[in-house]
PDB file of N, CA and C in Angstrom:
ATOM      1  N   MET A   1     -13.467  17.708 -55.302  1.00  0.00           N
ATOM      2  CA  MET A   1     -13.868  17.908 -53.941  1.00  0.00           C
ATOM      3  C   MET A   1     -15.126  18.795 -53.942  1.00  0.00           C
ATOM      4  N   ALA A   2     -16.095  18.371 -53.236  1.00  0.00           N
ATOM      5  CA  ALA A   2     -17.356  19.103 -53.206  1.00  0.00           C
ATOM      6  C   ALA A   2     -17.368  20.068 -52.071  1.00  0.00           C
ATOM      7  N   VAL A   3     -18.047  21.165 -52.266  1.00  0.00           N
ATOM      8  CA  VAL A   3     -18.194  22.179 -51.237  1.00  0.00           C
ATOM      9  C   VAL A   3     -19.573  21.988 -50.607  1.00  0.00           C
ATOM     10  N   GLN A   4     -19.550  21.872 -49.288  1.00  0.00           N
ATOM     11  CA  GLN A   4     -20.787  21.679 -48.567  1.00  0.00           C
ATOM     12  C   GLN A   4     -21.151  22.916 -47.778  1.00  0.00           C
ATOM     13  N   SER A   5     -22.399  23.058 -47.518  1.00  0.00           N
ATOM     14  CA  SER A   5     -22.821  24.200 -46.706  1.00  0.00           C
ATOM     15  C   SER A   5     -22.445  23.950 -45.247  1.00  0.00           C
ATOM     16  N   LYS A   6     -22.333  25.016 -44.517  1.00  0.00           N
ATOM     17  CA  LYS A   6     -21.926  24.916 -43.110  1.00  0.00           C
ATOM     18  C   LYS A   6     -23.041  24.203 -42.309  1.00  0.00           C
ATOM     19  N   HIS A   7     -22.592  23.351 -41.387  1.00  0.00           N
ATOM     20  CA  HIS A   7     -23.549  22.641 -40.560  1.00  0.00           C
ATOM     21  C   HIS A   7     -24.059  23.589 -39.459  1.00  0.00           C
ATOM     22  N   ASN A   8     -25.319  23.624 -39.310  1.00  0.00           N
ATOM     23  CA  ASN A   8     -25.897  24.516 -38.314  1.00  0.00           C
ATOM     24  C   ASN A   8     -26.252  23.809 -37.022  1.00  0.00           C
ATOM     25  N   ASP A   9     -26.187  22.476 -36.996  1.00  0.00           N
ATOM     26  CA  ASP A   9     -26.563  21.756 -35.781  1.00  0.00           C
ATOM     27  C   ASP A   9     -25.410  21.856 -34.782  1.00  0.00           C
ATOM     28  N   ARG A  10     -25.724  21.646 -33.488  1.00  0.00           N
ATOM     29  CA  ARG A  10     -24.717  21.693 -32.442  1.00  0.00           C
ATOM     30  C   ARG A  10     -23.848  20.455 -32.513  1.00  0.00           C
ATOM     31  N   SER A  11     -22.596  20.615 -32.179  1.00  0.00           N
ATOM     32  CA  SER A  11     -21.626  19.505 -32.340  1.00  0.00           C
ATOM     33  C   SER A  11     -21.746  18.495 -31.223  1.00  0.00           C
ATOM     34  N   GLY A  12     -21.808  17.249 -31.583  1.00  0.00           N
ATOM     35  CA  GLY A  12     -21.604  16.064 -30.764  1.00  0.00           C
ATOM     36  C   GLY A  12     -22.162  15.949 -29.377  1.00  0.00           C
ATOM     37  N   ARG A  13     -22.939  16.846 -28.889  1.00  0.00           N
ATOM     38  CA  ARG A  13     -23.466  16.688 -27.535  1.00  0.00           C
ATOM     39  C   ARG A  13     -24.676  15.772 -27.569  1.00  0.00           C
ATOM     40  N   VAL A  14     -24.690  14.866 -26.586  1.00  0.00           N
ATOM     41  CA  VAL A  14     -25.796  13.893 -26.498  1.00  0.00           C
ATOM     42  C   VAL A  14     -26.880  14.530 -25.648  1.00  0.00           C
ATOM     43  N   GLY A  15     -28.081  14.528 -26.138  1.00  0.00           N
ATOM     44  CA  GLY A  15     -29.205  15.013 -25.352  1.00  0.00           C
ATOM     45  C   GLY A  15     -29.590  13.945 -24.340  1.00  0.00           C
ATOM     46  N   PHE A  16     -29.224  14.132 -23.103  1.00  0.00           N
ATOM     47  CA  PHE A  16     -29.387  13.111 -22.074  1.00  0.00           C
ATOM     48  C   PHE A  16     -30.852  12.772 -21.886  1.00  0.00           C
ATOM     49  N   GLU A  17     -31.724  13.776 -21.926  1.00  0.00           N
ATOM     50  CA  GLU A  17     -33.149  13.513 -21.692  1.00  0.00           C
ATOM     51  C   GLU A  17     -33.832  12.889 -22.896  1.00  0.00           C
ATOM     52  N   ASN A  18     -33.406  13.247 -24.115  1.00  0.00           N
ATOM     53  CA  ASN A  18     -34.107  12.813 -25.310  1.00  0.00           C
ATOM     54  C   ASN A  18     -33.549  11.537 -25.937  1.00  0.00           C
ATOM     55  N   ASP A  19     -32.272  11.303 -25.841  1.00  0.00           N
ATOM     56  CA  ASP A  19     -31.642  10.220 -26.560  1.00  0.00           C
ATOM     57  C   ASP A  19     -31.577   8.892 -25.798  1.00  0.00           C
ATOM     58  N   PHE A  20     -31.775   8.899 -24.511  1.00  0.00           N
ATOM     59  CA  PHE A  20     -31.679   7.670 -23.714  1.00  0.00           C
ATOM     60  C   PHE A  20     -33.039   7.257 -23.184  1.00  0.00           C
ATOM     61  N   THR A  21     -33.216   5.947 -23.046  1.00  0.00           N
ATOM     62  CA  THR A  21     -34.401   5.469 -22.339  1.00  0.00           C
ATOM     63  C   THR A  21     -34.109   5.551 -20.839  1.00  0.00           C
ATOM     64  N   THR A  22     -35.116   5.315 -20.054  1.00  0.00           N
ATOM     65  CA  THR A  22     -34.933   5.388 -18.596  1.00  0.00           C
ATOM     66  C   THR A  22     -33.896   4.383 -18.104  1.00  0.00           C
ATOM     67  N   ASP A  23     -33.945   3.156 -18.625  1.00  0.00           N
ATOM     68  CA  ASP A  23     -32.965   2.126 -18.203  1.00  0.00           C
ATOM     69  C   ASP A  23     -31.548   2.526 -18.623  1.00  0.00           C
ATOM     70  N   GLN A  24     -31.412   3.015 -19.852  1.00  0.00           N
ATOM     71  CA  GLN A  24     -30.092   3.429 -20.312  1.00  0.00           C
ATOM     72  C   GLN A  24     -29.560   4.589 -19.456  1.00  0.00           C
ATOM     73  N   ARG A  25     -30.422   5.505 -19.131  1.00  0.00           N
ATOM     74  CA  ARG A  25     -30.003   6.639 -18.292  1.00  0.00           C
ATOM     75  C   ARG A  25     -29.541   6.162 -16.926  1.00  0.00           C
ATOM     76  N   GLN A  26     -30.268   5.192 -16.329  1.00  0.00           N
ATOM     77  CA  GLN A  26     -29.883   4.675 -15.034  1.00  0.00           C
ATOM     78  C   GLN A  26     -28.546   3.940 -15.099  1.00  0.00           C
ATOM     79  N   ARG A  27     -28.343   3.106 -16.144  1.00  0.00           N
ATOM     80  CA  ARG A  27     -27.069   2.408 -16.312  1.00  0.00           C
ATOM     81  C   ARG A  27     -25.948   3.391 -16.525  1.00  0.00           C
ATOM     82  N   PHE A  28     -26.176   4.403 -17.348  1.00  0.00           N
ATOM     83  CA  PHE A  28     -25.149   5.415 -17.618  1.00  0.00           C
ATOM     84  C   PHE A  28     -24.754   6.115 -16.319  1.00  0.00           C
ATOM     85  N   THR A  29     -25.755   6.463 -15.509  1.00  0.00           N
ATOM     86  CA  THR A  29     -25.494   7.162 -14.243  1.00  0.00           C
ATOM     87  C   THR A  29     -24.705   6.261 -13.298  1.00  0.00           C
ATOM     88  N   GLU A  30     -25.073   4.982 -13.199  1.00  0.00           N
ATOM     89  CA  GLU A  30     -24.344   4.055 -12.330  1.00  0.00           C
ATOM     90  C   GLU A  30     -22.902   3.895 -12.777  1.00  0.00           C
ATOM     91  N   VAL A  31     -22.680   3.749 -14.065  1.00  0.00           N
ATOM     92  CA  VAL A  31     -21.321   3.557 -14.579  1.00  0.00           C
ATOM     93  C   VAL A  31     -20.493   4.847 -14.356  1.00  0.00           C
ATOM     94  N   ALA A  32     -21.098   5.989 -14.570  1.00  0.00           N
ATOM     95  CA  ALA A  32     -20.384   7.253 -14.409  1.00  0.00           C
ATOM     96  C   ALA A  32     -20.045   7.459 -12.926  1.00  0.00           C
ATOM     97  N   ASN A  33     -20.962   7.138 -12.038  1.00  0.00           N
ATOM     98  CA  ASN A  33     -20.680   7.279 -10.603  1.00  0.00           C
ATOM     99  C   ASN A  33     -19.606   6.331 -10.154  1.00  0.00           C
ATOM    100  N   ALA A  34     -19.648   5.085 -10.653  1.00  0.00           N
ATOM    101  CA  ALA A  34     -18.594   4.110 -10.284  1.00  0.00           C
ATOM    102  C   ALA A  34     -17.225   4.562 -10.805  1.00  0.00           C
ATOM    103  N   ALA A  35     -17.175   5.107 -12.009  1.00  0.00           N
ATOM    104  CA  ALA A  35     -15.915   5.611 -12.543  1.00  0.00           C
ATOM    105  C   ALA A  35     -15.389   6.768 -11.717  1.00  0.00           C
ATOM    106  N   PHE A  36     -16.294   7.625 -11.299  1.00  0.00           N
ATOM    107  CA  PHE A  36     -15.898   8.762 -10.454  1.00  0.00           C
ATOM    108  C   PHE A  36     -15.307   8.288  -9.134  1.00  0.00           C
ATOM    109  N   ARG A  37     -15.959   7.268  -8.509  1.00  0.00           N
ATOM    110  CA  ARG A  37     -15.472   6.737  -7.268  1.00  0.00           C
ATOM    111  C   ARG A  37     -14.102   6.069  -7.447  1.00  0.00           C
ATOM    112  N   ARG A  38     -13.916   5.335  -8.566  1.00  0.00           N
ATOM    113  CA  ARG A  38     -12.618   4.699  -8.843  1.00  0.00           C
ATOM    114  C   ARG A  38     -11.524   5.741  -9.022  1.00  0.00           C
ATOM    115  N   ARG A  39     -11.811   6.811  -9.772  1.00  0.00           N
ATOM    116  CA  ARG A  39     -10.810   7.870  -9.961  1.00  0.00           C
ATOM    117  C   ARG A  39     -10.451   8.511  -8.647  1.00  0.00           C
ATOM    118  N   LYS A  40     -11.461   8.767  -7.820  1.00  0.00           N
ATOM    119  CA  LYS A  40     -11.215   9.403  -6.532  1.00  0.00           C
ATOM    120  C   LYS A  40     -10.338   8.526  -5.625  1.00  0.00           C
ATOM    121  N   LYS A  41     -10.651   7.198  -5.605  1.00  0.00           N
ATOM    122  CA  LYS A  41      -9.885   6.266  -4.786  1.00  0.00           C
ATOM    123  C   LYS A  41      -8.459   6.158  -5.285  1.00  0.00           C
ATOM    124  N   LYS A  42      -8.274   6.083  -6.597  1.00  0.00           N
ATOM    125  CA  LYS A  42      -6.932   5.999  -7.171  1.00  0.00           C
ATOM    126  C   LYS A  42      -6.135   7.270  -6.878  1.00  0.00           C
ATOM    127  N   GLU A  43      -6.803   8.403  -6.937  1.00  0.00           N
ATOM    128  CA  GLU A  43      -6.147   9.666  -6.651  1.00  0.00           C
ATOM    129  C   GLU A  43      -5.686   9.709  -5.210  1.00  0.00           C
ATOM    130  N   GLU A  44      -6.498   9.203  -4.279  1.00  0.00           N
ATOM    131  CA  GLU A  44      -6.133   9.198  -2.875  1.00  0.00           C
ATOM    132  C   GLU A  44      -4.971   8.241  -2.609  1.00  0.00           C
ATOM    133  N   LEU A  45      -4.944   7.103  -3.319  1.00  0.00           N
ATOM    134  CA  LEU A  45      -3.856   6.164  -3.141  1.00  0.00           C
ATOM    135  C   LEU A  45      -2.535   6.661  -3.739  1.00  0.00           C
ATOM    136  N   ASP A  46      -2.609   7.374  -4.826  1.00  0.00           N
ATOM    137  CA  ASP A  46      -1.386   7.859  -5.499  1.00  0.00           C
ATOM    138  C   ASP A  46      -0.822   9.117  -4.857  1.00  0.00           C
ATOM    139  N   ARG A  47      -1.600   9.845  -4.117  1.00  0.00           N
ATOM    140  CA  ARG A  47      -1.145  11.122  -3.565  1.00  0.00           C
ATOM    141  C   ARG A  47       0.103  10.988  -2.709  1.00  0.00           C
ATOM    142  N   PRO A  48       0.175  10.059  -1.727  1.00  0.00           N
ATOM    143  CA  PRO A  48       1.398   9.970  -0.930  1.00  0.00           C
ATOM    144  C   PRO A  48       2.622   9.576  -1.770  1.00  0.00           C
ATOM    145  N   PHE A  49       2.424   8.711  -2.768  1.00  0.00           N
ATOM    146  CA  PHE A  49       3.549   8.306  -3.634  1.00  0.00           C
ATOM    147  C   PHE A  49       4.094   9.525  -4.384  1.00  0.00           C
ATOM    148  N   PHE A  50       3.185  10.328  -4.984  1.00  0.00           N
ATOM    149  CA  PHE A  50       3.641  11.478  -5.726  1.00  0.00           C
ATOM    150  C   PHE A  50       4.286  12.513  -4.817  1.00  0.00           C
ATOM    151  N   GLN A  51       3.758  12.652  -3.611  1.00  0.00           N
ATOM    152  CA  GLN A  51       4.352  13.621  -2.690  1.00  0.00           C
ATOM    153  C   GLN A  51       5.759  13.202  -2.290  1.00  0.00           C
ATOM    154  N   SER A  52       5.961  11.913  -1.998  1.00  0.00           N
ATOM    155  CA  SER A  52       7.321  11.460  -1.650  1.00  0.00           C
ATOM    156  C   SER A  52       8.250  11.537  -2.824  1.00  0.00           C
ATOM    157  N   ALA A  53       7.761  11.262  -4.035  1.00  0.00           N
ATOM    158  CA  ALA A  53       8.601  11.386  -5.223  1.00  0.00           C
ATOM    159  C   ALA A  53       8.985  12.837  -5.459  1.00  0.00           C
ATOM    160  N   LYS A  54       8.055  13.739  -5.265  1.00  0.00           N
ATOM    161  CA  LYS A  54       8.344  15.158  -5.441  1.00  0.00           C
ATOM    162  C   LYS A  54       9.372  15.638  -4.425  1.00  0.00           C
ATOM    163  N   ASN A  55       9.227  15.201  -3.166  1.00  0.00           N
ATOM    164  CA  ASN A  55      10.208  15.578  -2.145  1.00  0.00           C
ATOM    165  C   ASN A  55      11.596  15.032  -2.479  1.00  0.00           C
ATOM    166  N   ALA A  56      11.661  13.809  -2.970  1.00  0.00           N
ATOM    167  CA  ALA A  56      12.931  13.208  -3.318  1.00  0.00           C
ATOM    168  C   ALA A  56      13.578  13.926  -4.505  1.00  0.00           C
ATOM    169  N   ALA A  57      12.751  14.343  -5.448  1.00  0.00           N
ATOM    170  CA  ALA A  57      13.274  15.021  -6.651  1.00  0.00           C
ATOM    171  C   ALA A  57      13.780  16.426  -6.298  1.00  0.00           C
ATOM    172  N   LEU A  58      13.106  17.092  -5.359  1.00  0.00           N
ATOM    173  CA  LEU A  58      13.498  18.454  -5.046  1.00  0.00           C
ATOM    174  C   LEU A  58      14.556  18.545  -3.949  1.00  0.00           C
ATOM    175  N   LYS A  59      14.940  17.406  -3.368  1.00  0.00           N
ATOM    176  CA  LYS A  59      15.963  17.412  -2.328  1.00  0.00           C
ATOM    177  C   LYS A  59      17.312  17.732  -2.925  1.00  0.00           C
ATOM    178  N   PRO A  60      18.054  18.664  -2.336  1.00  0.00           N
ATOM    179  CA  PRO A  60      19.341  19.031  -2.924  1.00  0.00           C
ATOM    180  C   PRO A  60      20.328  17.881  -2.813  1.00  0.00           C
ATOM    181  N   VAL A  61      21.100  17.661  -3.889  1.00  0.00           N
ATOM    182  CA  VAL A  61      22.049  16.564  -3.914  1.00  0.00           C
ATOM    183  C   VAL A  61      23.279  16.899  -3.060  1.00  0.00           C
ATOM    184  N   LEU A  62      23.811  18.109  -3.254  1.00  0.00           N
ATOM    185  CA  LEU A  62      24.984  18.539  -2.491  1.00  0.00           C
ATOM    186  C   LEU A  62      24.544  19.639  -1.523  1.00  0.00           C
ATOM    187  N   LYS A  63      24.960  19.529  -0.276  1.00  0.00           N
ATOM    188  CA  LYS A  63      24.637  20.538   0.694  1.00  0.00           C
ATOM    189  C   LYS A  63      25.581  21.725   0.474  1.00  0.00           C
ATOM    190  N   PRO A  64      25.047  22.930   0.439  1.00  0.00           N
ATOM    191  CA  PRO A  64      25.945  24.089   0.263  1.00  0.00           C
ATOM    192  C   PRO A  64      26.842  24.267   1.482  1.00  0.00           C
ATOM    193  N   LYS A  65      28.088  24.582   1.215  1.00  0.00           N
ATOM    194  CA  LYS A  65      29.036  24.769   2.308  1.00  0.00           C
ATOM    195  C   LYS A  65      28.976  26.236   2.773  1.00  0.00           C
ATOM    196  N   LYS A  66      29.155  26.405   4.059  1.00  0.00           N
ATOM    197  CA  LYS A  66      29.224  27.769   4.567  1.00  0.00           C
ATOM    198  C   LYS A  66      30.597  28.331   4.235  1.00  0.00           C
ATOM    199  N   MET A  67      30.636  29.634   4.059  1.00  0.00           N
ATOM    200  CA  MET A  67      31.901  30.273   3.729  1.00  0.00           C
ATOM    201  C   MET A  67      32.791  30.306   4.953  1.00  0.00           C
ATOM    202  N   SER A  68      33.984  29.705   4.842  1.00  0.00           N
ATOM    203  CA  SER A  68      34.916  29.683   5.962  1.00  0.00           C
ATOM    204  C   SER A  68      35.638  31.016   6.057  1.00  0.00           C
ATOM    205  N   PRO A  69      36.243  31.313   7.197  1.00  0.00           N
ATOM    206  CA  PRO A  69      36.965  32.596   7.346  1.00  0.00           C
ATOM    207  C   PRO A  69      38.109  32.743   6.333  1.00  0.00           C
ATOM    208  N   SER A  70      38.767  31.651   5.965  1.00  0.00           N
ATOM    209  CA  SER A  70      39.869  31.764   5.008  1.00  0.00           C
ATOM    210  C   SER A  70      39.317  32.169   3.635  1.00  0.00           C
ATOM    211  N   LYS A  71      38.159  31.643   3.241  1.00  0.00           N
ATOM    212  CA  LYS A  71      37.521  32.018   1.973  1.00  0.00           C
ATOM    213  C   LYS A  71      37.122  33.503   2.008  1.00  0.00           C
ATOM    214  N   GLN A  72      36.640  33.948   3.148  1.00  0.00           N
ATOM    215  CA  GLN A  72      36.250  35.354   3.269  1.00  0.00           C
ATOM    216  C   GLN A  72      37.461  36.253   3.124  1.00  0.00           C
ATOM    217  N   ARG A  73      38.595  35.859   3.693  1.00  0.00           N
ATOM    218  CA  ARG A  73      39.826  36.655   3.557  1.00  0.00           C
ATOM    219  C   ARG A  73      40.264  36.702   2.106  1.00  0.00           C
ATOM    220  N   GLN A  74      40.157  35.583   1.397  1.00  0.00           N
ATOM    221  CA  GLN A  74      40.545  35.557  -0.011  1.00  0.00           C
ATOM    222  C   GLN A  74      39.664  36.507  -0.822  1.00  0.00           C
ATOM    223  N   VAL A  75      38.379  36.508  -0.576  1.00  0.00           N
ATOM    224  CA  VAL A  75      37.461  37.375  -1.300  1.00  0.00           C
ATOM    225  C   VAL A  75      37.803  38.847  -1.014  1.00  0.00           C
ATOM    226  N   VAL A  76      38.070  39.188   0.235  1.00  0.00           N
ATOM    227  CA  VAL A  76      38.419  40.563   0.597  1.00  0.00           C
ATOM    228  C   VAL A  76      39.709  40.988  -0.111  1.00  0.00           C
ATOM    229  N   TRP A  77      40.709  40.122  -0.137  1.00  0.00           N
ATOM    230  CA  TRP A  77      41.980  40.470  -0.778  1.00  0.00           C
ATOM    231  C   TRP A  77      41.820  40.616  -2.305  1.00  0.00           C
ATOM    232  N   ILE A  78      41.017  39.780  -2.908  1.00  0.00           N
ATOM    233  CA  ILE A  78      40.791  39.904  -4.348  1.00  0.00           C
ATOM    234  C   ILE A  78      40.114  41.234  -4.662  1.00  0.00           C
ATOM    235  N   VAL A  79      39.140  41.658  -3.841  1.00  0.00           N
ATOM    236  CA  VAL A  79      38.465  42.925  -4.047  1.00  0.00           C
ATOM    237  C   VAL A  79      39.451  44.068  -3.878  1.00  0.00           C
ATOM    238  N   ILE A  80      40.278  44.008  -2.844  1.00  0.00           N
ATOM    239  CA  ILE A  80      41.265  45.095  -2.602  1.00  0.00           C
ATOM    240  C   ILE A  80      42.264  45.197  -3.768  1.00  0.00           C
ATOM    241  N   ILE A  81      42.746  44.043  -4.219  1.00  0.00           N
ATOM    242  CA  ILE A  81      43.704  44.028  -5.352  1.00  0.00           C
ATOM    243  C   ILE A  81      43.039  44.598  -6.588  1.00  0.00           C
ATOM    244  N   GLY A  82      41.776  44.237  -6.821  1.00  0.00           N
ATOM    245  CA  GLY A  82      41.060  44.755  -7.978  1.00  0.00           C
ATOM    246  C   GLY A  82      40.872  46.256  -7.910  1.00  0.00           C
ATOM    247  N   LEU A  83      40.545  46.790  -6.717  1.00  0.00           N
ATOM    248  CA  LEU A  83      40.386  48.226  -6.586  1.00  0.00           C
ATOM    249  C   LEU A  83      41.707  48.971  -6.769  1.00  0.00           C
ATOM    250  N   VAL A  84      42.801  48.421  -6.206  1.00  0.00           N
ATOM    251  CA  VAL A  84      44.109  49.034  -6.371  1.00  0.00           C
ATOM    252  C   VAL A  84      44.508  49.017  -7.851  1.00  0.00           C
ATOM    253  N   SER A  85      44.235  47.925  -8.535  1.00  0.00           N
ATOM    254  CA  SER A  85      44.565  47.833  -9.954  1.00  0.00           C
ATOM    255  C   SER A  85      43.774  48.852 -10.769  1.00  0.00           C
ATOM    256  N   LEU A  86      42.491  48.993 -10.478  1.00  0.00           N
ATOM    257  CA  LEU A  86      41.688  50.009 -11.165  1.00  0.00           C
ATOM    258  C   LEU A  86      42.181  51.425 -10.900  1.00  0.00           C
ATOM    259  N   TRP A  87      42.575  51.685  -9.651  1.00  0.00           N
ATOM    260  CA  TRP A  87      43.103  53.004  -9.307  1.00  0.00           C
ATOM    261  C   TRP A  87      44.411  53.273 -10.071  1.00  0.00           C
ATOM    262  N   ALA A  88      45.260  52.232 -10.157  1.00  0.00           N
ATOM    263  CA  ALA A  88      46.550  52.374 -10.869  1.00  0.00           C
ATOM    264  C   ALA A  88      46.294  52.622 -12.349  1.00  0.00           C
ATOM    265  N   MET A  89      45.341  51.963 -12.950  1.00  0.00           N
ATOM    266  CA  MET A  89      45.033  52.185 -14.377  1.00  0.00           C
ATOM    267  C   MET A  89      44.469  53.583 -14.598  1.00  0.00           C
ATOM    268  N   TYR A  90      43.664  54.054 -13.663  1.00  0.00           N
ATOM    269  CA  TYR A  90      43.083  55.408 -13.772  1.00  0.00           C
ATOM    270  C   TYR A  90      44.181  56.466 -13.695  1.00  0.00           C
ATOM    271  N   MET A  91      45.119  56.270 -12.747  1.00  0.00           N
ATOM    272  CA  MET A  91      46.189  57.242 -12.578  1.00  0.00           C
ATOM    273  C   MET A  91      47.188  57.206 -13.750  1.00  0.00           C
ATOM    274  N   ALA A  92      47.374  56.053 -14.352  1.00  0.00           N
ATOM    275  CA  ALA A  92      48.343  55.922 -15.454  1.00  0.00           C
ATOM    276  C   ALA A  92      47.751  56.466 -16.761  1.00  0.00           C
ATOM    277  N   GLY A  93      46.480  56.399 -16.910  1.00  0.00           N
ATOM    278  CA  GLY A  93      45.913  56.688 -18.194  1.00  0.00           C
ATOM    279  C   GLY A  93      45.260  57.961 -18.336  1.00  0.00           C
TER     280      GLY A  93
END
């Protein structure tokens, strides 16, 4: 394997003014502008589709239920029983 010296030239950039003729520059500009218009049009057409897909993906599958009064009573009783149990363990130990 041979060792080469480091390249000092700038990488891969095309000198637009020096490397193209006037006709080539005009064709390049026309093609680039047409591609830009196509991308813009495609982006505008796809935007509503992506927005509806995003809304559908983020929509919750199951609606959360509100806590009923019986569930609230159960939670309160569990907390009270837990506190009484902790107090009993503290007093016993």
